[in-house]
């Protein structure tokens, strides 16, 4: 459904409220075009009130970030382990060369 709203001779502030019972705010796109006849200035604010937190989205994002952090820790641990093994091998070679002299 297409709806067009014209507002003329606006001087201070305009507040638009779109109730969720009338519009499907989850999947509907809203376009706002602001024009002025003379030079105008101002700021446009957008606020989307959400009364309840979507727990599925919260836990999905939380566990995704947690497992990503856990994977980064495992990669860092394996890199440190490989560096320690390389350092131990070099130390062993130096010790063997020192004992051979």
C-alpha atoms as a PDB file:
ATOM      1  CA  UNK A   1       0.000   0.000   0.000  1.00  0.00           C
ATOM      2  CA  UNK A   2       1.486   3.329  -1.029  1.00  0.00           C
ATOM      3  CA  UNK A   3       0.874   6.383   1.107  1.00  0.00           C
ATOM      4  CA  UNK A   4       2.160   9.886   0.522  1.00  0.00           C
ATOM      5  CA  UNK A   5       2.192  12.646   3.139  1.00  0.00           C
ATOM      6  CA  UNK A   6       2.632  16.313   2.210  1.00  0.00           C
ATOM      7  CA  UNK A   7       3.443  18.824   4.936  1.00  0.00           C
ATOM      8  CA  UNK A   8       3.500  22.493   3.991  1.00  0.00           C
ATOM      9  CA  UNK A   9       4.502  25.664   5.864  1.00  0.00           C
ATOM     10  CA  UNK A  10       6.348  23.822   8.596  1.00  0.00           C
ATOM     11  CA  UNK A  11       8.122  26.184  10.957  1.00  0.00           C
ATOM     12  CA  UNK A  12       9.583  24.328  13.935  1.00  0.00           C
ATOM     13  CA  UNK A  13       9.195  20.616  14.340  1.00  0.00           C
ATOM     14  CA  UNK A  14       7.394  17.666  12.806  1.00  0.00           C
ATOM     15  CA  UNK A  15       7.013  14.354  14.621  1.00  0.00           C
ATOM     16  CA  UNK A  16       5.824  11.334  12.662  1.00  0.00           C
ATOM     17  CA  UNK A  17       4.666   8.260  14.550  1.00  0.00           C
ATOM     18  CA  UNK A  18       4.038   5.043  12.667  1.00  0.00           C
ATOM     19  CA  UNK A  19       2.198   2.535  14.852  1.00  0.00           C
ATOM     20  CA  UNK A  20       3.171  -1.097  14.449  1.00  0.00           C
ATOM     21  CA  UNK A  21      -0.464  -2.199  14.502  1.00  0.00           C
ATOM     22  CA  UNK A  22      -1.124  -0.344  11.238  1.00  0.00           C
ATOM     23  CA  UNK A  23       2.231  -0.926   9.475  1.00  0.00           C
ATOM     24  CA  UNK A  24       4.437  -4.009   9.454  1.00  0.00           C
ATOM     25  CA  UNK A  25       7.537  -2.221  10.756  1.00  0.00           C
ATOM     26  CA  UNK A  26       9.701  -5.340  10.571  1.00  0.00           C
ATOM     27  CA  UNK A  27       9.643  -5.703   6.794  1.00  0.00           C
ATOM     28  CA  UNK A  28       8.283  -2.426   5.394  1.00  0.00           C
ATOM     29  CA  UNK A  29      10.552   0.269   3.953  1.00  0.00           C
ATOM     30  CA  UNK A  30       9.800   3.901   4.503  1.00  0.00           C
ATOM     31  CA  UNK A  31      11.237   6.651   2.334  1.00  0.00           C
ATOM     32  CA  UNK A  32      11.403  10.258   3.481  1.00  0.00           C
ATOM     33  CA  UNK A  33      12.099  13.133   1.087  1.00  0.00           C
ATOM     34  CA  UNK A  34      12.651  16.584   2.544  1.00  0.00           C
ATOM     35  CA  UNK A  35      12.644  19.626   0.273  1.00  0.00           C
ATOM     36  CA  UNK A  36      12.491  23.353   0.892  1.00  0.00           C
ATOM     37  CA  UNK A  37      11.525  26.288  -1.276  1.00  0.00           C
ATOM     38  CA  UNK A  38      14.063  28.611   0.373  1.00  0.00           C
ATOM     39  CA  UNK A  39      17.367  27.804   2.016  1.00  0.00           C
ATOM     40  CA  UNK A  40      16.686  25.600   5.017  1.00  0.00           C
ATOM     41  CA  UNK A  41      18.691  23.883   7.704  1.00  0.00           C
ATOM     42  CA  UNK A  42      17.935  21.256  10.273  1.00  0.00           C
ATOM     43  CA  UNK A  43      18.576  17.783  11.553  1.00  0.00           C
ATOM     44  CA  UNK A  44      16.590  14.628  11.035  1.00  0.00           C
ATOM     45  CA  UNK A  45      16.379  12.087  13.850  1.00  0.00           C
ATOM     46  CA  UNK A  46      15.175   8.525  13.607  1.00  0.00           C
ATOM     47  CA  UNK A  47      14.179   6.478  16.604  1.00  0.00           C
ATOM     48  CA  UNK A  48      12.829   2.970  16.627  1.00  0.00           C
ATOM     49  CA  UNK A  49      11.247   2.013  19.897  1.00  0.00           C
ATOM     50  CA  UNK A  50      11.553  -1.647  20.731  1.00  0.00           C
ATOM     51  CA  UNK A  51       9.823  -2.571  23.926  1.00  0.00           C
ATOM     52  CA  UNK A  52      11.204  -6.092  24.316  1.00  0.00           C
ATOM     53  CA  UNK A  53      14.530  -7.660  23.492  1.00  0.00           C
ATOM     54  CA  UNK A  54      14.511 -10.505  21.013  1.00  0.00           C
ATOM     55  CA  UNK A  55      16.176 -13.263  23.034  1.00  0.00           C
ATOM     56  CA  UNK A  56      16.857 -15.492  20.039  1.00  0.00           C
ATOM     57  CA  UNK A  57      18.827 -12.747  18.300  1.00  0.00           C
ATOM     58  CA  UNK A  58      20.637 -11.843  21.528  1.00  0.00           C
ATOM     59  CA  UNK A  59      21.792 -15.392  22.236  1.00  0.00           C
ATOM     60  CA  UNK A  60      22.666 -16.030  18.589  1.00  0.00           C
ATOM     61  CA  UNK A  61      24.937 -12.982  18.495  1.00  0.00           C
ATOM     62  CA  UNK A  62      26.355 -13.691  21.956  1.00  0.00           C
ATOM     63  CA  UNK A  63      27.301 -17.300  21.207  1.00  0.00           C
ATOM     64  CA  UNK A  64      28.622 -16.394  17.754  1.00  0.00           C
ATOM     65  CA  UNK A  65      30.949 -13.808  19.297  1.00  0.00           C
ATOM     66  CA  UNK A  66      31.911 -16.195  22.094  1.00  0.00           C
ATOM     67  CA  UNK A  67      32.857 -19.023  19.724  1.00  0.00           C
ATOM     68  CA  UNK A  68      34.717 -16.599  17.453  1.00  0.00           C
ATOM     69  CA  UNK A  69      36.729 -15.406  20.474  1.00  0.00           C
ATOM     70  CA  UNK A  70      37.305 -19.013  21.538  1.00  0.00           C
ATOM     71  CA  UNK A  71      38.569 -19.917  18.049  1.00  0.00           C
ATOM     72  CA  UNK A  72      40.953 -16.932  18.094  1.00  0.00           C
ATOM     73  CA  UNK A  73      42.276 -18.066  21.490  1.00  0.00           C
ATOM     74  CA  UNK A  74      42.849 -21.597  20.177  1.00  0.00           C
ATOM     75  CA  UNK A  75      44.740 -20.258  17.144  1.00  0.00           C
ATOM     76  CA  UNK A  76      46.909 -18.062  19.392  1.00  0.00           C
ATOM     77  CA  UNK A  77      47.562 -20.990  21.744  1.00  0.00           C
ATOM     78  CA  UNK A  78      48.583 -23.270  18.851  1.00  0.00           C
ATOM     79  CA  UNK A  79      50.905 -20.566  17.469  1.00  0.00           C
ATOM     80  CA  UNK A  80      52.532 -20.177  20.896  1.00  0.00           C
ATOM     81  CA  UNK A  81      52.852 -23.947  21.187  1.00  0.00           C
ATOM     82  CA  UNK A  82      54.542 -24.157  17.765  1.00  0.00           C
ATOM     83  CA  UNK A  83      56.936 -21.330  18.697  1.00  0.00           C
ATOM     84  CA  UNK A  84      57.806 -23.088  21.974  1.00  0.00           C
ATOM     85  CA  UNK A  85      58.534 -26.361  20.142  1.00  0.00           C
ATOM     86  CA  UNK A  86      60.741 -24.532  17.622  1.00  0.00           C
ATOM     87  CA  UNK A  87      62.612 -22.759  20.448  1.00  0.00           C
ATOM     88  CA  UNK A  88      63.109 -26.057  22.313  1.00  0.00           C
ATOM     89  CA  UNK A  89      64.494 -27.736  19.179  1.00  0.00           C
ATOM     90  CA  UNK A  90      66.957 -24.883  18.617  1.00  0.00           C
ATOM     91  CA  UNK A  91      68.045 -25.000  22.255  1.00  0.00           C
ATOM     92  CA  UNK A  92      68.527 -28.758  22.000  1.00  0.00           C
ATOM     93  CA  UNK A  93      70.697 -28.350  18.869  1.00  0.00           C
ATOM     94  CA  UNK A  94      72.813 -25.687  20.616  1.00  0.00           C
ATOM     95  CA  UNK A  95      73.243 -27.940  23.658  1.00  0.00           C
ATOM     96  CA  UNK A  96      74.255 -30.887  21.487  1.00  0.00           C
ATOM     97  CA  UNK A  97      76.804 -28.735  19.624  1.00  0.00           C
ATOM     98  CA  UNK A  98      78.187 -27.440  22.931  1.00  0.00           C
ATOM     99  CA  UNK A  99      78.509 -30.978  24.302  1.00  0.00           C
ATOM    100  CA  UNK A 100      80.215 -32.165  21.082  1.00  0.00           C
ATOM    101  CA  UNK A 101      83.074 -29.669  21.512  1.00  0.00           C
END
